[in-house]
Amino acid sequence: MTVTLNRPMPMRPPCLADPDRWATGGEDAELKALCRACPRRWLCAKEALETPAAEGMWSAVHIPKAGRGRTFALRQLRSLAAHGDHHVRETA
């Protein structure tokens, strides 16, 4: 009898290899795809919400510097963090 475990292989988040690319990523489809495949995606969303003035690509969501787009992105990140069972303070 063969047993197969469906555990994700530990991997280094791609954003750590080239953080400047994520900071200026904009709406880059390749960055979003890499983020969506990252095992830290839900935790990354929480970290983005808890990082003052976070900008760039976080958890496959582009966070603009200001405006309605930023408000929408932060709302998306809050939803992603909650999906991963990460509690985020409401004031974050």
N, C-alpha and C. Protein backbone atom coordinates (compact mmCIF):
# COMPACT_ATOMS: atom_id res chain seq x y z
N MET A 1 0.84 -1.17 0.00
CA MET A 1 0.00 0.00 0.00
C MET A 1 0.89 1.24 0.00
N THR A 2 0.52 2.24 -0.82
CA THR A 2 1.27 3.48 -0.92
C THR A 2 0.45 4.60 -0.31
N VAL A 3 1.11 5.42 0.49
CA VAL A 3 0.46 6.57 1.11
C VAL A 3 1.07 7.83 0.52
N THR A 4 0.21 8.72 0.08
CA THR A 4 0.67 10.00 -0.47
C THR A 4 0.19 11.12 0.45
N LEU A 5 1.11 11.95 0.87
CA LEU A 5 0.77 13.11 1.70
C LEU A 5 0.65 14.33 0.81
N ASN A 6 -0.44 15.03 0.96
CA ASN A 6 -0.66 16.25 0.18
C ASN A 6 -0.26 17.48 0.97
N ARG A 7 1.01 17.58 1.28
CA ARG A 7 1.53 18.74 1.99
C ARG A 7 2.29 19.61 1.02
N PRO A 8 2.11 20.91 1.12
CA PRO A 8 2.90 21.78 0.25
C PRO A 8 4.37 21.71 0.64
N MET A 9 5.22 21.70 -0.34
CA MET A 9 6.65 21.71 -0.09
C MET A 9 7.05 23.08 0.43
N PRO A 10 7.88 23.14 1.48
CA PRO A 10 8.32 24.45 1.96
C PRO A 10 9.09 25.17 0.85
N MET A 11 8.77 26.42 0.68
CA MET A 11 9.48 27.20 -0.33
C MET A 11 9.72 28.60 0.20
N ARG A 12 10.72 29.20 -0.32
CA ARG A 12 11.02 30.58 0.05
C ARG A 12 10.10 31.48 -0.76
N PRO A 13 9.42 32.41 -0.11
CA PRO A 13 8.54 33.31 -0.84
C PRO A 13 9.31 34.05 -1.94
N PRO A 14 8.76 34.12 -3.15
CA PRO A 14 9.48 34.75 -4.25
C PRO A 14 9.76 36.23 -4.02
N CYS A 15 8.96 36.89 -3.20
CA CYS A 15 9.17 38.32 -2.96
C CYS A 15 10.47 38.58 -2.19
N LEU A 16 10.96 37.58 -1.45
CA LEU A 16 12.22 37.77 -0.72
C LEU A 16 13.43 37.75 -1.65
N ALA A 17 13.29 37.12 -2.80
CA ALA A 17 14.40 37.07 -3.75
C ALA A 17 14.63 38.42 -4.43
N ASP A 18 13.56 39.18 -4.64
CA ASP A 18 13.67 40.48 -5.31
C ASP A 18 12.61 41.43 -4.76
N PRO A 19 12.77 41.91 -3.52
CA PRO A 19 11.73 42.73 -2.88
C PRO A 19 11.43 44.03 -3.61
N ASP A 20 12.40 44.60 -4.30
CA ASP A 20 12.15 45.86 -5.03
C ASP A 20 11.13 45.66 -6.14
N ARG A 21 11.13 44.49 -6.74
CA ARG A 21 10.17 44.21 -7.81
C ARG A 21 8.74 44.22 -7.27
N TRP A 22 8.56 43.73 -6.06
CA TRP A 22 7.23 43.72 -5.46
C TRP A 22 6.83 45.13 -4.99
N ALA A 23 7.78 45.90 -4.56
CA ALA A 23 7.48 47.25 -4.08
C ALA A 23 7.00 48.15 -5.21
N THR A 24 7.46 47.89 -6.42
CA THR A 24 7.08 48.72 -7.56
C THR A 24 6.26 47.94 -8.59
N GLY A 25 5.74 46.79 -8.21
CA GLY A 25 5.11 45.85 -9.12
C GLY A 25 3.91 46.32 -9.89
N GLY A 26 3.15 47.23 -9.36
CA GLY A 26 1.95 47.67 -10.06
C GLY A 26 0.99 46.52 -10.29
N GLU A 27 0.42 46.47 -11.47
CA GLU A 27 -0.56 45.44 -11.81
C GLU A 27 0.07 44.31 -12.63
N ASP A 28 1.29 43.93 -12.34
CA ASP A 28 2.04 42.91 -13.07
C ASP A 28 1.39 41.53 -12.87
N ALA A 29 0.92 40.92 -13.95
CA ALA A 29 0.24 39.62 -13.89
C ALA A 29 1.17 38.50 -13.39
N GLU A 30 2.44 38.56 -13.74
CA GLU A 30 3.38 37.53 -13.30
C GLU A 30 3.57 37.58 -11.78
N LEU A 31 3.68 38.78 -11.23
CA LEU A 31 3.82 38.91 -9.77
C LEU A 31 2.59 38.38 -9.07
N LYS A 32 1.41 38.70 -9.61
CA LYS A 32 0.17 38.22 -8.99
C LYS A 32 0.12 36.70 -8.99
N ALA A 33 0.55 36.08 -10.09
CA ALA A 33 0.54 34.62 -10.17
C ALA A 33 1.49 34.01 -9.14
N LEU A 34 2.66 34.61 -8.98
CA LEU A 34 3.62 34.12 -7.99
C LEU A 34 3.05 34.26 -6.58
N CYS A 35 2.42 35.38 -6.30
CA CYS A 35 1.82 35.61 -4.99
C CYS A 35 0.71 34.60 -4.70
N ARG A 36 -0.13 34.35 -5.69
CA ARG A 36 -1.25 33.43 -5.49
C ARG A 36 -0.79 32.02 -5.18
N ALA A 37 0.41 31.65 -5.64
CA ALA A 37 0.94 30.31 -5.40
C ALA A 37 1.75 30.21 -4.10
N CYS A 38 1.99 31.33 -3.45
CA CYS A 38 2.83 31.37 -2.26
C CYS A 38 2.08 30.84 -1.03
N PRO A 39 2.71 29.96 -0.25
CA PRO A 39 2.05 29.43 0.95
C PRO A 39 1.87 30.47 2.05
N ARG A 40 2.53 31.61 1.95
CA ARG A 40 2.40 32.67 2.95
C ARG A 40 1.36 33.71 2.57
N ARG A 41 0.56 33.45 1.54
CA ARG A 41 -0.34 34.48 1.02
C ARG A 41 -1.25 35.07 2.08
N TRP A 42 -1.85 34.25 2.92
CA TRP A 42 -2.81 34.73 3.92
C TRP A 42 -2.09 35.53 5.00
N LEU A 43 -0.93 35.05 5.43
CA LEU A 43 -0.14 35.78 6.42
C LEU A 43 0.38 37.09 5.84
N CYS A 44 0.73 37.08 4.58
CA CYS A 44 1.21 38.29 3.90
C CYS A 44 0.11 39.36 3.90
N ALA A 45 -1.13 38.95 3.69
CA ALA A 45 -2.24 39.91 3.71
C ALA A 45 -2.34 40.56 5.09
N LYS A 46 -2.20 39.76 6.13
CA LYS A 46 -2.24 40.30 7.50
C LYS A 46 -1.08 41.27 7.73
N GLU A 47 0.12 40.89 7.29
CA GLU A 47 1.29 41.74 7.47
C GLU A 47 1.14 43.06 6.72
N ALA A 48 0.53 43.02 5.54
CA ALA A 48 0.31 44.26 4.78
C ALA A 48 -0.60 45.20 5.55
N LEU A 49 -1.64 44.65 6.15
CA LEU A 49 -2.58 45.48 6.91
C LEU A 49 -1.96 46.05 8.18
N GLU A 50 -0.97 45.36 8.71
CA GLU A 50 -0.32 45.81 9.94
C GLU A 50 0.94 46.63 9.69
N THR A 51 1.29 46.83 8.42
CA THR A 51 2.46 47.61 8.06
C THR A 51 2.02 49.02 7.68
N PRO A 52 2.39 50.02 8.47
CA PRO A 52 1.99 51.40 8.14
C PRO A 52 2.50 51.80 6.76
N ALA A 53 1.64 52.41 5.98
CA ALA A 53 1.97 52.92 4.64
C ALA A 53 2.45 51.84 3.67
N ALA A 54 1.96 50.61 3.83
CA ALA A 54 2.33 49.53 2.90
C ALA A 54 1.90 49.91 1.49
N GLU A 55 2.78 49.64 0.53
CA GLU A 55 2.51 49.91 -0.89
C GLU A 55 3.07 48.77 -1.71
N GLY A 56 2.66 48.69 -2.97
CA GLY A 56 3.19 47.67 -3.87
C GLY A 56 2.33 46.42 -3.84
N MET A 57 2.92 45.31 -4.23
CA MET A 57 2.21 44.04 -4.34
C MET A 57 2.34 43.26 -3.04
N TRP A 58 1.22 42.99 -2.43
CA TRP A 58 1.15 42.17 -1.22
C TRP A 58 0.04 41.15 -1.42
N SER A 59 0.33 39.88 -1.27
CA SER A 59 -0.68 38.84 -1.33
C SER A 59 -1.49 38.88 -2.62
N ALA A 60 -0.82 39.22 -3.73
CA ALA A 60 -1.43 39.32 -5.07
C ALA A 60 -2.40 40.48 -5.19
N VAL A 61 -2.29 41.45 -4.31
CA VAL A 61 -3.12 42.66 -4.36
C VAL A 61 -2.18 43.86 -4.45
N HIS A 62 -2.39 44.70 -5.46
CA HIS A 62 -1.57 45.92 -5.59
C HIS A 62 -2.17 47.00 -4.69
N ILE A 63 -1.33 47.54 -3.81
CA ILE A 63 -1.77 48.60 -2.89
C ILE A 63 -1.21 49.93 -3.40
N PRO A 64 -2.08 50.80 -3.91
CA PRO A 64 -1.61 52.13 -4.32
C PRO A 64 -1.28 52.99 -3.10
N LYS A 65 -0.61 54.10 -3.36
CA LYS A 65 -0.20 55.00 -2.28
C LYS A 65 -1.39 55.67 -1.59
N ALA A 66 -2.43 56.01 -2.34
CA ALA A 66 -3.57 56.73 -1.76
C ALA A 66 -4.81 56.53 -2.63
N GLY A 67 -5.92 57.07 -2.14
CA GLY A 67 -7.14 57.11 -2.93
C GLY A 67 -8.07 55.92 -2.73
N ARG A 68 -9.08 55.88 -3.59
CA ARG A 68 -10.09 54.83 -3.51
C ARG A 68 -9.49 53.46 -3.81
N GLY A 69 -8.50 53.42 -4.70
CA GLY A 69 -7.85 52.15 -5.01
C GLY A 69 -7.18 51.54 -3.79
N ARG A 70 -6.59 52.40 -2.96
CA ARG A 70 -5.95 51.92 -1.73
C ARG A 70 -7.00 51.37 -0.77
N THR A 71 -8.11 52.08 -0.63
CA THR A 71 -9.18 51.62 0.25
C THR A 71 -9.70 50.26 -0.20
N PHE A 72 -9.90 50.10 -1.50
CA PHE A 72 -10.38 48.84 -2.05
C PHE A 72 -9.36 47.72 -1.82
N ALA A 73 -8.07 48.00 -2.05
CA ALA A 73 -7.02 47.00 -1.87
C ALA A 73 -6.95 46.54 -0.41
N LEU A 74 -7.04 47.48 0.52
CA LEU A 74 -6.99 47.12 1.94
C LEU A 74 -8.19 46.26 2.34
N ARG A 75 -9.34 46.54 1.73
CA ARG A 75 -10.53 45.73 2.00
C ARG A 75 -10.31 44.30 1.47
N GLN A 76 -9.70 44.18 0.30
CA GLN A 76 -9.39 42.85 -0.26
C GLN A 76 -8.41 42.10 0.65
N LEU A 77 -7.40 42.79 1.13
CA LEU A 77 -6.41 42.16 2.01
C LEU A 77 -7.04 41.69 3.32
N ARG A 78 -7.95 42.48 3.85
CA ARG A 78 -8.64 42.10 5.08
C ARG A 78 -9.42 40.79 4.86
N SER A 79 -10.05 40.68 3.71
CA SER A 79 -10.80 39.48 3.37
C SER A 79 -9.87 38.27 3.22
N LEU A 80 -8.73 38.47 2.57
CA LEU A 80 -7.76 37.38 2.41
C LEU A 80 -7.20 36.92 3.76
N ALA A 81 -6.88 37.87 4.61
CA ALA A 81 -6.35 37.52 5.94
C ALA A 81 -7.40 36.72 6.72
N ALA A 82 -8.64 37.15 6.67
CA ALA A 82 -9.71 36.44 7.37
C ALA A 82 -9.89 35.04 6.81
N HIS A 83 -9.76 34.89 5.50
CA HIS A 83 -9.88 33.58 4.87
C HIS A 83 -8.81 32.62 5.40
N GLY A 84 -7.64 33.16 5.69
CA GLY A 84 -6.55 32.34 6.23
C GLY A 84 -6.57 32.25 7.74
N ASP A 85 -7.68 32.66 8.38
CA ASP A 85 -7.83 32.62 9.84
C ASP A 85 -6.83 33.50 10.57
N HIS A 86 -6.48 34.63 9.97
CA HIS A 86 -5.58 35.60 10.63
C HIS A 86 -6.41 36.79 11.07
N HIS A 87 -6.43 37.04 12.36
CA HIS A 87 -7.18 38.16 12.90
C HIS A 87 -6.38 39.46 12.69
N VAL A 88 -7.05 40.47 12.20
CA VAL A 88 -6.43 41.78 11.98
C VAL A 88 -7.24 42.81 12.73
N ARG A 89 -6.54 43.66 13.47
CA ARG A 89 -7.22 44.74 14.19
C ARG A 89 -7.99 45.61 13.21
N GLU A 90 -9.16 46.07 13.60
CA GLU A 90 -9.99 46.91 12.73
C GLU A 90 -9.33 48.23 12.39
N THR A 91 -8.49 48.77 13.25
CA THR A 91 -7.86 50.06 13.01
C THR A 91 -6.60 49.95 12.18
N ALA A 92 -6.17 48.73 11.85
CA ALA A 92 -4.93 48.55 11.10
C ALA A 92 -5.09 49.02 9.67
